[in-house]
mmCIF file of all heavy atoms, coordinates in Angstrom:
data_MODEL
# 
_entry.id   MODEL 
# 
loop_
_atom_site.group_PDB 
_atom_site.id 
_atom_site.type_symbol 
_atom_site.label_atom_id 
_atom_site.label_alt_id 
_atom_site.label_comp_id 
_atom_site.label_asym_id 
_atom_site.label_entity_id 
_atom_site.label_seq_id 
_atom_site.pdbx_PDB_ins_code 
_atom_site.Cartn_x 
_atom_site.Cartn_y 
_atom_site.Cartn_z 
_atom_site.occupancy 
_atom_site.B_iso_or_equiv 
_atom_site.pdbx_formal_charge 
_atom_site.auth_seq_id 
_atom_site.auth_comp_id 
_atom_site.auth_asym_id 
_atom_site.auth_atom_id 
_atom_site.pdbx_PDB_model_num 
ATOM 1   N N   . ASN A 1 1  ? -10.069 2.753   -25.703 1.00 0.00 ? 1  ASN A N   1 
ATOM 2   C CA  . ASN A 1 1  ? -10.235 4.068   -26.321 1.00 0.00 ? 1  ASN A CA  1 
ATOM 3   C C   . ASN A 1 1  ? -8.956  4.867   -26.421 1.00 0.00 ? 1  ASN A C   1 
ATOM 4   O O   . ASN A 1 1  ? -8.989  6.101   -26.561 1.00 0.00 ? 1  ASN A O   1 
ATOM 5   C CB  . ASN A 1 1  ? -11.281 4.890   -25.598 1.00 0.00 ? 1  ASN A CB  1 
ATOM 6   C CG  . ASN A 1 1  ? -12.630 4.187   -25.508 1.00 0.00 ? 1  ASN A CG  1 
ATOM 7   O OD1 . ASN A 1 1  ? -13.042 3.495   -26.461 1.00 0.00 ? 1  ASN A OD1 1 
ATOM 8   N ND2 . ASN A 1 1  ? -13.336 4.345   -24.437 1.00 0.00 ? 1  ASN A ND2 1 
ATOM 9   N N   . THR A 1 2  ? -7.812  4.198   -26.371 1.00 0.00 ? 2  THR A N   1 
ATOM 10  C CA  . THR A 1 2  ? -6.544  4.921   -26.436 1.00 0.00 ? 2  THR A CA  1 
ATOM 11  C C   . THR A 1 2  ? -5.759  4.533   -27.699 1.00 0.00 ? 2  THR A C   1 
ATOM 12  O O   . THR A 1 2  ? -6.089  3.579   -28.359 1.00 0.00 ? 2  THR A O   1 
ATOM 13  C CB  . THR A 1 2  ? -5.646  4.601   -25.203 1.00 0.00 ? 2  THR A CB  1 
ATOM 14  O OG1 . THR A 1 2  ? -5.265  3.239   -25.234 1.00 0.00 ? 2  THR A OG1 1 
ATOM 15  C CG2 . THR A 1 2  ? -6.359  4.943   -23.921 1.00 0.00 ? 2  THR A CG2 1 
ATOM 16  N N   . ASP A 1 3  ? -4.766  5.329   -27.993 1.00 0.00 ? 3  ASP A N   1 
ATOM 17  C CA  . ASP A 1 3  ? -3.898  5.128   -29.174 1.00 0.00 ? 3  ASP A CA  1 
ATOM 18  C C   . ASP A 1 3  ? -3.305  3.744   -29.125 1.00 0.00 ? 3  ASP A C   1 
ATOM 19  O O   . ASP A 1 3  ? -2.572  3.381   -28.191 1.00 0.00 ? 3  ASP A O   1 
ATOM 20  C CB  . ASP A 1 3  ? -2.823  6.210   -29.185 1.00 0.00 ? 3  ASP A CB  1 
ATOM 21  C CG  . ASP A 1 3  ? -1.952  6.186   -30.412 1.00 0.00 ? 3  ASP A CG  1 
ATOM 22  O OD1 . ASP A 1 3  ? -2.031  5.187   -31.179 1.00 0.00 ? 3  ASP A OD1 1 
ATOM 23  O OD2 . ASP A 1 3  ? -1.210  7.137   -30.630 1.00 0.00 ? 3  ASP A OD2 1 
ATOM 24  N N   . PRO A 1 4  ? -3.531  2.925   -30.165 1.00 0.00 ? 4  PRO A N   1 
ATOM 25  C CA  . PRO A 1 4  ? -2.951  1.561   -30.180 1.00 0.00 ? 4  PRO A CA  1 
ATOM 26  C C   . PRO A 1 4  ? -1.438  1.535   -30.110 1.00 0.00 ? 4  PRO A C   1 
ATOM 27  O O   . PRO A 1 4  ? -0.879  0.511   -29.669 1.00 0.00 ? 4  PRO A O   1 
ATOM 28  C CB  . PRO A 1 4  ? -3.463  0.994   -31.528 1.00 0.00 ? 4  PRO A CB  1 
ATOM 29  C CG  . PRO A 1 4  ? -4.658  1.816   -31.868 1.00 0.00 ? 4  PRO A CG  1 
ATOM 30  C CD  . PRO A 1 4  ? -4.395  3.169   -31.331 1.00 0.00 ? 4  PRO A CD  1 
ATOM 31  N N   . ALA A 1 5  ? -0.805  2.634   -30.504 1.00 0.00 ? 5  ALA A N   1 
ATOM 32  C CA  . ALA A 1 5  ? 0.665   2.634   -30.445 1.00 0.00 ? 5  ALA A CA  1 
ATOM 33  C C   . ALA A 1 5  ? 1.168   2.561   -29.015 1.00 0.00 ? 5  ALA A C   1 
ATOM 34  O O   . ALA A 1 5  ? 2.275   2.087   -28.766 1.00 0.00 ? 5  ALA A O   1 
ATOM 35  C CB  . ALA A 1 5  ? 1.187   3.902   -31.122 1.00 0.00 ? 5  ALA A CB  1 
ATOM 36  N N   . LEU A 1 6  ? 0.350   2.987   -28.071 1.00 0.00 ? 6  LEU A N   1 
ATOM 37  C CA  . LEU A 1 6  ? 0.726   2.919   -26.660 1.00 0.00 ? 6  LEU A CA  1 
ATOM 38  C C   . LEU A 1 6  ? 0.210   1.638   -26.032 1.00 0.00 ? 6  LEU A C   1 
ATOM 39  O O   . LEU A 1 6  ? -0.619  1.661   -25.117 1.00 0.00 ? 6  LEU A O   1 
ATOM 40  C CB  . LEU A 1 6  ? 0.187   4.148   -25.930 1.00 0.00 ? 6  LEU A CB  1 
ATOM 41  C CG  . LEU A 1 6  ? 0.783   5.493   -26.333 1.00 0.00 ? 6  LEU A CG  1 
ATOM 42  C CD1 . LEU A 1 6  ? 0.051   6.646   -25.656 1.00 0.00 ? 6  LEU A CD1 1 
ATOM 43  C CD2 . LEU A 1 6  ? 2.247   5.569   -25.959 1.00 0.00 ? 6  LEU A CD2 1 
ATOM 44  N N   . PHE A 1 7  ? 0.651   0.497   -26.534 1.00 0.00 ? 7  PHE A N   1 
ATOM 45  C CA  . PHE A 1 7  ? 0.178   -0.792  -26.026 1.00 0.00 ? 7  PHE A CA  1 
ATOM 46  C C   . PHE A 1 7  ? 0.799   -1.060  -24.654 1.00 0.00 ? 7  PHE A C   1 
ATOM 47  O O   . PHE A 1 7  ? 1.893   -0.602  -24.337 1.00 0.00 ? 7  PHE A O   1 
ATOM 48  C CB  . PHE A 1 7  ? 0.525   -1.910  -27.024 1.00 0.00 ? 7  PHE A CB  1 
ATOM 49  C CG  . PHE A 1 7  ? 1.961   -2.085  -27.249 1.00 0.00 ? 7  PHE A CG  1 
ATOM 50  C CD1 . PHE A 1 7  ? 2.748   -2.881  -26.424 1.00 0.00 ? 7  PHE A CD1 1 
ATOM 51  C CD2 . PHE A 1 7  ? 2.602   -1.450  -28.325 1.00 0.00 ? 7  PHE A CD2 1 
ATOM 52  C CE1 . PHE A 1 7  ? 4.087   -3.061  -26.635 1.00 0.00 ? 7  PHE A CE1 1 
ATOM 53  C CE2 . PHE A 1 7  ? 3.961   -1.595  -28.529 1.00 0.00 ? 7  PHE A CE2 1 
ATOM 54  C CZ  . PHE A 1 7  ? 4.689   -2.446  -27.710 1.00 0.00 ? 7  PHE A CZ  1 
ATOM 55  N N   . ALA A 1 8  ? 0.090   -1.828  -23.859 1.00 0.00 ? 8  ALA A N   1 
ATOM 56  C CA  . ALA A 1 8  ? 0.518   -2.124  -22.480 1.00 0.00 ? 8  ALA A CA  1 
ATOM 57  C C   . ALA A 1 8  ? 1.100   -3.515  -22.356 1.00 0.00 ? 8  ALA A C   1 
ATOM 58  O O   . ALA A 1 8  ? 0.799   -4.418  -23.153 1.00 0.00 ? 8  ALA A O   1 
ATOM 59  C CB  . ALA A 1 8  ? -0.664  -1.969  -21.510 1.00 0.00 ? 8  ALA A CB  1 
ATOM 60  N N   . ASP A 1 9  ? 1.927   -3.678  -21.348 1.00 0.00 ? 9  ASP A N   1 
ATOM 61  C CA  . ASP A 1 9  ? 2.368   -5.021  -20.911 1.00 0.00 ? 9  ASP A CA  1 
ATOM 62  C C   . ASP A 1 9  ? 1.554   -5.366  -19.655 1.00 0.00 ? 9  ASP A C   1 
ATOM 63  O O   . ASP A 1 9  ? 1.088   -4.472  -18.929 1.00 0.00 ? 9  ASP A O   1 
ATOM 64  C CB  . ASP A 1 9  ? 3.864   -5.001  -20.562 1.00 0.00 ? 9  ASP A CB  1 
ATOM 65  C CG  . ASP A 1 9  ? 4.725   -4.933  -21.828 1.00 0.00 ? 9  ASP A CG  1 
ATOM 66  O OD1 . ASP A 1 9  ? 4.200   -5.246  -22.934 1.00 0.00 ? 9  ASP A OD1 1 
ATOM 67  O OD2 . ASP A 1 9  ? 5.895   -4.577  -21.707 1.00 0.00 ? 9  ASP A OD2 1 
ATOM 68  N N   . PHE A 1 10 ? 1.422   -6.644  -19.427 1.00 0.00 ? 10 PHE A N   1 
ATOM 69  C CA  . PHE A 1 10 ? 0.589   -7.112  -18.292 1.00 0.00 ? 10 PHE A CA  1 
ATOM 70  C C   . PHE A 1 10 ? 1.010   -6.460  -16.978 1.00 0.00 ? 10 PHE A C   1 
ATOM 71  O O   . PHE A 1 10 ? 2.179   -6.381  -16.613 1.00 0.00 ? 10 PHE A O   1 
ATOM 72  C CB  . PHE A 1 10 ? 0.703   -8.634  -18.143 1.00 0.00 ? 10 PHE A CB  1 
ATOM 73  C CG  . PHE A 1 10 ? -0.071  -9.195  -16.974 1.00 0.00 ? 10 PHE A CG  1 
ATOM 74  C CD1 . PHE A 1 10 ? -1.437  -9.348  -17.082 1.00 0.00 ? 10 PHE A CD1 1 
ATOM 75  C CD2 . PHE A 1 10 ? 0.553   -9.481  -15.770 1.00 0.00 ? 10 PHE A CD2 1 
ATOM 76  C CE1 . PHE A 1 10 ? -2.174  -9.870  -16.011 1.00 0.00 ? 10 PHE A CE1 1 
ATOM 77  C CE2 . PHE A 1 10 ? -0.184  -10.007 -14.707 1.00 0.00 ? 10 PHE A CE2 1 
ATOM 78  C CZ  . PHE A 1 10 ? -1.540  -10.169 -14.823 1.00 0.00 ? 10 PHE A CZ  1 
ATOM 79  N N   . GLY A 1 11 ? -0.014  -5.903  -16.273 1.00 0.00 ? 11 GLY A N   1 
ATOM 80  C CA  . GLY A 1 11 ? 0.192   -5.312  -14.944 1.00 0.00 ? 11 GLY A CA  1 
ATOM 81  C C   . GLY A 1 11 ? 0.647   -3.860  -14.966 1.00 0.00 ? 11 GLY A C   1 
ATOM 82  O O   . GLY A 1 11 ? 0.736   -3.254  -13.919 1.00 0.00 ? 11 GLY A O   1 
ATOM 83  N N   . GLU A 1 12 ? 0.914   -3.297  -16.118 1.00 0.00 ? 12 GLU A N   1 
ATOM 84  C CA  . GLU A 1 12 ? 1.387   -1.898  -16.185 1.00 0.00 ? 12 GLU A CA  1 
ATOM 85  C C   . GLU A 1 12 ? 0.255   -0.917  -15.969 1.00 0.00 ? 12 GLU A C   1 
ATOM 86  O O   . GLU A 1 12 ? -0.882  -1.149  -16.351 1.00 0.00 ? 12 GLU A O   1 
ATOM 87  C CB  . GLU A 1 12 ? 1.996   -1.616  -17.572 1.00 0.00 ? 12 GLU A CB  1 
ATOM 88  C CG  . GLU A 1 12 ? 3.407   -2.141  -17.750 1.00 0.00 ? 12 GLU A CG  1 
ATOM 89  C CD  . GLU A 1 12 ? 4.015   -1.668  -19.059 1.00 0.00 ? 12 GLU A CD  1 
ATOM 90  O OE1 . GLU A 1 12 ? 3.250   -1.570  -20.065 1.00 0.00 ? 12 GLU A OE1 1 
ATOM 91  O OE2 . GLU A 1 12 ? 5.215   -1.388  -19.074 1.00 0.00 ? 12 GLU A OE2 1 
ATOM 92  N N   . THR A 1 13 ? 0.602   0.158   -15.344 1.00 0.00 ? 13 THR A N   1 
ATOM 93  C CA  . THR A 1 13 ? -0.319  1.308   -15.247 1.00 0.00 ? 13 THR A CA  1 
ATOM 94  C C   . THR A 1 13 ? -0.115  2.160   -16.492 1.00 0.00 ? 13 THR A C   1 
ATOM 95  O O   . THR A 1 13 ? 0.836   1.964   -17.277 1.00 0.00 ? 13 THR A O   1 
ATOM 96  C CB  . THR A 1 13 ? 0.003   2.160   -14.013 1.00 0.00 ? 13 THR A CB  1 
ATOM 97  O OG1 . THR A 1 13 ? 1.304   2.737   -14.157 1.00 0.00 ? 13 THR A OG1 1 
ATOM 98  C CG2 . THR A 1 13 ? -0.047  1.338   -12.750 1.00 0.00 ? 13 THR A CG2 1 
ATOM 99  N N   . MET A 1 14 ? -1.016  3.108   -16.684 1.00 0.00 ? 14 MET A N   1 
ATOM 100 C CA  . MET A 1 14 ? -0.861  4.021   -17.842 1.00 0.00 ? 14 MET A CA  1 
ATOM 101 C C   . MET A 1 14 ? 0.427   4.839   -17.736 1.00 0.00 ? 14 MET A C   1 
ATOM 102 O O   . MET A 1 14 ? 1.096   5.115   -18.763 1.00 0.00 ? 14 MET A O   1 
ATOM 103 C CB  . MET A 1 14 ? -2.090  4.916   -17.976 1.00 0.00 ? 14 MET A CB  1 
ATOM 104 C CG  . MET A 1 14 ? -3.364  4.195   -18.299 1.00 0.00 ? 14 MET A CG  1 
ATOM 105 S SD  . MET A 1 14 ? -4.811  5.295   -18.451 1.00 0.00 ? 14 MET A SD  1 
ATOM 106 C CE  . MET A 1 14 ? -4.556  5.933   -20.075 1.00 0.00 ? 14 MET A CE  1 
ATOM 107 N N   . ALA A 1 15 ? 0.806   5.196   -16.536 1.00 0.00 ? 15 ALA A N   1 
ATOM 108 C CA  . ALA A 1 15 ? 2.042   5.947   -16.365 1.00 0.00 ? 15 ALA A CA  1 
ATOM 109 C C   . ALA A 1 15 ? 3.256   5.137   -16.748 1.00 0.00 ? 15 ALA A C   1 
ATOM 110 O O   . ALA A 1 15 ? 4.185   5.631   -17.402 1.00 0.00 ? 15 ALA A O   1 
ATOM 111 C CB  . ALA A 1 15 ? 2.179   6.422   -14.911 1.00 0.00 ? 15 ALA A CB  1 
ATOM 112 N N   . GLN A 1 16 ? 3.229   3.867   -16.414 1.00 0.00 ? 16 GLN A N   1 
ATOM 113 C CA  . GLN A 1 16 ? 4.345   2.975   -16.796 1.00 0.00 ? 16 GLN A CA  1 
ATOM 114 C C   . GLN A 1 16 ? 4.405   2.746   -18.290 1.00 0.00 ? 16 GLN A C   1 
ATOM 115 O O   . GLN A 1 16 ? 5.490   2.729   -18.873 1.00 0.00 ? 16 GLN A O   1 
ATOM 116 C CB  . GLN A 1 16 ? 4.186   1.627   -16.065 1.00 0.00 ? 16 GLN A CB  1 
ATOM 117 C CG  . GLN A 1 16 ? 4.465   1.723   -14.564 1.00 0.00 ? 16 GLN A CG  1 
ATOM 118 C CD  . GLN A 1 16 ? 4.099   0.489   -13.810 1.00 0.00 ? 16 GLN A CD  1 
ATOM 119 O OE1 . GLN A 1 16 ? 3.113   -0.212  -14.159 1.00 0.00 ? 16 GLN A OE1 1 
ATOM 120 N NE2 . GLN A 1 16 ? 4.850   0.163   -12.765 1.00 0.00 ? 16 GLN A NE2 1 
ATOM 121 N N   . VAL A 1 17 ? 3.254   2.642   -18.907 1.00 0.00 ? 17 VAL A N   1 
ATOM 122 C CA  . VAL A 1 17 ? 3.191   2.524   -20.363 1.00 0.00 ? 17 VAL A CA  1 
ATOM 123 C C   . VAL A 1 17 ? 3.789   3.741   -21.026 1.00 0.00 ? 17 VAL A C   1 
ATOM 124 O O   . VAL A 1 17 ? 4.650   3.653   -21.936 1.00 0.00 ? 17 VAL A O   1 
ATOM 125 C CB  . VAL A 1 17 ? 1.770   2.240   -20.846 1.00 0.00 ? 17 VAL A CB  1 
ATOM 126 C CG1 . VAL A 1 17 ? 1.679   2.286   -22.382 1.00 0.00 ? 17 VAL A CG1 1 
ATOM 127 C CG2 . VAL A 1 17 ? 1.246   0.936   -20.351 1.00 0.00 ? 17 VAL A CG2 1 
ATOM 128 N N   . ARG A 1 18 ? 3.351   4.908   -20.567 1.00 0.00 ? 18 ARG A N   1 
ATOM 129 C CA  . ARG A 1 18 ? 3.826   6.140   -21.177 1.00 0.00 ? 18 ARG A CA  1 
ATOM 130 C C   . ARG A 1 18 ? 5.348   6.285   -20.984 1.00 0.00 ? 18 ARG A C   1 
ATOM 131 O O   . ARG A 1 18 ? 6.074   6.687   -21.902 1.00 0.00 ? 18 ARG A O   1 
ATOM 132 C CB  . ARG A 1 18 ? 3.122   7.351   -20.493 1.00 0.00 ? 18 ARG A CB  1 
ATOM 133 C CG  . ARG A 1 18 ? 3.620   8.709   -20.975 1.00 0.00 ? 18 ARG A CG  1 
ATOM 134 C CD  . ARG A 1 18 ? 2.957   9.082   -22.304 1.00 0.00 ? 18 ARG A CD  1 
ATOM 135 N NE  . ARG A 1 18 ? 3.561   10.247  -22.883 1.00 0.00 ? 18 ARG A NE  1 
ATOM 136 C CZ  . ARG A 1 18 ? 3.298   11.504  -22.522 1.00 0.00 ? 18 ARG A CZ  1 
ATOM 137 N NH1 . ARG A 1 18 ? 2.397   11.746  -21.576 1.00 0.00 ? 18 ARG A NH1 1 
ATOM 138 N NH2 . ARG A 1 18 ? 3.857   12.530  -23.146 1.00 0.00 ? 18 ARG A NH2 1 
ATOM 139 N N   . SER A 1 19 ? 5.822   5.935   -19.808 1.00 0.00 ? 19 SER A N   1 
ATOM 140 C CA  . SER A 1 19 ? 7.268   6.025   -19.536 1.00 0.00 ? 19 SER A CA  1 
ATOM 141 C C   . SER A 1 19 ? 8.037   5.082   -20.455 1.00 0.00 ? 19 SER A C   1 
ATOM 142 O O   . SER A 1 19 ? 9.050   5.456   -21.045 1.00 0.00 ? 19 SER A O   1 
ATOM 143 C CB  . SER A 1 19 ? 7.531   5.695   -18.075 1.00 0.00 ? 19 SER A CB  1 
ATOM 144 O OG  . SER A 1 19 ? 8.902   5.643   -17.794 1.00 0.00 ? 19 SER A OG  1 
ATOM 145 N N   . ARG A 1 20 ? 7.587   3.865   -20.576 1.00 0.00 ? 20 ARG A N   1 
ATOM 146 C CA  . ARG A 1 20 ? 8.323   2.858   -21.389 1.00 0.00 ? 20 ARG A CA  1 
ATOM 147 C C   . ARG A 1 20 ? 8.376   3.282   -22.839 1.00 0.00 ? 20 ARG A C   1 
ATOM 148 O O   . ARG A 1 20 ? 9.438   3.210   -23.483 1.00 0.00 ? 20 ARG A O   1 
ATOM 149 C CB  . ARG A 1 20 ? 7.632   1.499   -21.269 1.00 0.00 ? 20 ARG A CB  1 
ATOM 150 C CG  . ARG A 1 20 ? 8.228   0.399   -22.147 1.00 0.00 ? 20 ARG A CG  1 
ATOM 151 C CD  . ARG A 1 20 ? 7.700   -0.976  -21.771 1.00 0.00 ? 20 ARG A CD  1 
ATOM 152 N NE  . ARG A 1 20 ? 6.275   -1.050  -21.736 1.00 0.00 ? 20 ARG A NE  1 
ATOM 153 C CZ  . ARG A 1 20 ? 5.482   -1.223  -22.844 1.00 0.00 ? 20 ARG A CZ  1 
ATOM 154 N NH1 . ARG A 1 20 ? 6.066   -1.307  -24.045 1.00 0.00 ? 20 ARG A NH1 1 
ATOM 155 N NH2 . ARG A 1 20 ? 4.175   -1.303  -22.752 1.00 0.00 ? 20 ARG A NH2 1 
ATOM 156 N N   . HIS A 1 21 ? 7.275   3.728   -23.371 1.00 0.00 ? 21 HIS A N   1 
ATOM 157 C CA  . HIS A 1 21 ? 7.251   4.161   -24.790 1.00 0.00 ? 21 HIS A CA  1 
ATOM 158 C C   . HIS A 1 21 ? 8.082   5.435   -24.991 1.00 0.00 ? 21 HIS A C   1 
ATOM 159 O O   . HIS A 1 21 ? 8.740   5.588   -25.999 1.00 0.00 ? 21 HIS A O   1 
ATOM 160 C CB  . HIS A 1 21 ? 5.820   4.399   -25.260 1.00 0.00 ? 21 HIS A CB  1 
ATOM 161 C CG  . HIS A 1 21 ? 5.076   3.102   -25.551 1.00 0.00 ? 21 HIS A CG  1 
ATOM 162 N ND1 . HIS A 1 21 ? 5.104   2.507   -26.820 1.00 0.00 ? 21 HIS A ND1 1 
ATOM 163 C CD2 . HIS A 1 21 ? 4.322   2.316   -24.757 1.00 0.00 ? 21 HIS A CD2 1 
ATOM 164 C CE1 . HIS A 1 21 ? 4.355   1.387   -26.761 1.00 0.00 ? 21 HIS A CE1 1 
ATOM 165 N NE2 . HIS A 1 21 ? 3.870   1.260   -25.519 1.00 0.00 ? 21 HIS A NE2 1 
ATOM 166 N N   . SER A 1 22 ? 8.046   6.310   -24.009 1.00 0.00 ? 22 SER A N   1 
ATOM 167 C CA  . SER A 1 22 ? 8.802   7.547   -24.124 1.00 0.00 ? 22 SER A CA  1 
ATOM 168 C C   . SER A 1 22 ? 10.319  7.265   -24.150 1.00 0.00 ? 22 SER A C   1 
ATOM 169 O O   . SER A 1 22 ? 11.049  7.934   -24.883 1.00 0.00 ? 22 SER A O   1 
ATOM 170 C CB  . SER A 1 22 ? 8.482   8.478   -22.937 1.00 0.00 ? 22 SER A CB  1 
ATOM 171 O OG  . SER A 1 22 ? 9.337   9.597   -22.959 1.00 0.00 ? 22 SER A OG  1 
ATOM 172 N N   . CYS A 1 23 ? 10.746  6.259   -23.420 1.00 0.00 ? 23 CYS A N   1 
ATOM 173 C CA  . CYS A 1 23 ? 12.164  5.962   -23.357 1.00 0.00 ? 23 CYS A CA  1 
ATOM 174 C C   . CYS A 1 23 ? 12.702  5.213   -24.601 1.00 0.00 ? 23 CYS A C   1 
ATOM 175 O O   . CYS A 1 23 ? 13.876  4.921   -24.678 1.00 0.00 ? 23 CYS A O   1 
ATOM 176 C CB  . CYS A 1 23 ? 12.468  5.132   -22.108 1.00 0.00 ? 23 CYS A CB  1 
ATOM 177 S SG  . CYS A 1 23 ? 12.511  6.179   -20.618 1.00 0.00 ? 23 CYS A SG  1 
ATOM 178 N N   . ILE A 1 24 ? 11.819  4.954   -25.555 1.00 0.00 ? 24 ILE A N   1 
ATOM 179 C CA  . ILE A 1 24 ? 12.291  4.441   -26.849 1.00 0.00 ? 24 ILE A CA  1 
ATOM 180 C C   . ILE A 1 24 ? 13.087  5.570   -27.543 1.00 0.00 ? 24 ILE A C   1 
ATOM 181 O O   . ILE A 1 24 ? 13.994  5.293   -28.335 1.00 0.00 ? 24 ILE A O   1 
ATOM 182 C CB  . ILE A 1 24 ? 11.090  4.005   -27.722 1.00 0.00 ? 24 ILE A CB  1 
ATOM 183 C CG1 . ILE A 1 24 ? 10.393  2.814   -27.077 1.00 0.00 ? 24 ILE A CG1 1 
ATOM 184 C CG2 . ILE A 1 24 ? 11.550  3.651   -29.149 1.00 0.00 ? 24 ILE A CG2 1 
ATOM 185 C CD1 . ILE A 1 24 ? 9.125   2.373   -27.782 1.00 0.00 ? 24 ILE A CD1 1 
ATOM 186 N N   . THR A 1 25 ? 12.751  6.803   -27.217 1.00 0.00 ? 25 THR A N   1 
ATOM 187 C CA  . THR A 1 25 ? 13.442  7.945   -27.839 1.00 0.00 ? 25 THR A CA  1 
ATOM 188 C C   . THR A 1 25 ? 14.254  8.712   -26.788 1.00 0.00 ? 25 THR A C   1 
ATOM 189 O O   . THR A 1 25 ? 15.466  8.552   -26.709 1.00 0.00 ? 25 THR A O   1 
ATOM 190 C CB  . THR A 1 25 ? 12.424  8.894   -28.526 1.00 0.00 ? 25 THR A CB  1 
ATOM 191 O OG1 . THR A 1 25 ? 11.405  9.240   -27.579 1.00 0.00 ? 25 THR A OG1 1 
ATOM 192 C CG2 . THR A 1 25 ? 11.823  8.208   -29.731 1.00 0.00 ? 25 THR A CG2 1 
ATOM 193 N N   . ASP A 1 26 ? 13.579  9.504   -25.947 1.00 0.00 ? 26 ASP A N   1 
ATOM 194 C CA  . ASP A 1 26 ? 14.373  10.387  -25.065 1.00 0.00 ? 26 ASP A CA  1 
ATOM 195 C C   . ASP A 1 26 ? 13.931  10.383  -23.613 1.00 0.00 ? 26 ASP A C   1 
ATOM 196 O O   . ASP A 1 26 ? 14.418  11.185  -22.801 1.00 0.00 ? 26 ASP A O   1 
ATOM 197 C CB  . ASP A 1 26 ? 14.269  11.829  -25.598 1.00 0.00 ? 26 ASP A CB  1 
ATOM 198 C CG  . ASP A 1 26 ? 12.830  12.314  -25.688 1.00 0.00 ? 26 ASP A CG  1 
ATOM 199 O OD1 . ASP A 1 26 ? 11.904  11.552  -25.312 1.00 0.00 ? 26 ASP A OD1 1 
ATOM 200 O OD2 . ASP A 1 26 ? 12.626  13.460  -26.143 1.00 0.00 ? 26 ASP A OD2 1 
ATOM 201 N N   . CYS A 1 27 ? 12.973  9.539   -23.241 1.00 0.00 ? 27 CYS A N   1 
ATOM 202 C CA  . CYS A 1 27 ? 12.459  9.458   -21.865 1.00 0.00 ? 27 CYS A CA  1 
ATOM 203 C C   . CYS A 1 27 ? 11.845  10.781  -21.378 1.00 0.00 ? 27 CYS A C   1 
ATOM 204 O O   . CYS A 1 27 ? 11.810  11.052  -20.165 1.00 0.00 ? 27 CYS A O   1 
ATOM 205 C CB  . CYS A 1 27 ? 13.560  9.044   -20.893 1.00 0.00 ? 27 CYS A CB  1 
ATOM 206 S SG  . CYS A 1 27 ? 14.073  7.310   -21.048 1.00 0.00 ? 27 CYS A SG  1 
# 
């Protein structure tokens, strides 16, 4: 039920996913 753009890697928490995607731009 979440935005597909925020895809996960195996074993990641939601916080880790958000952090990784955020660091594509400005962290």
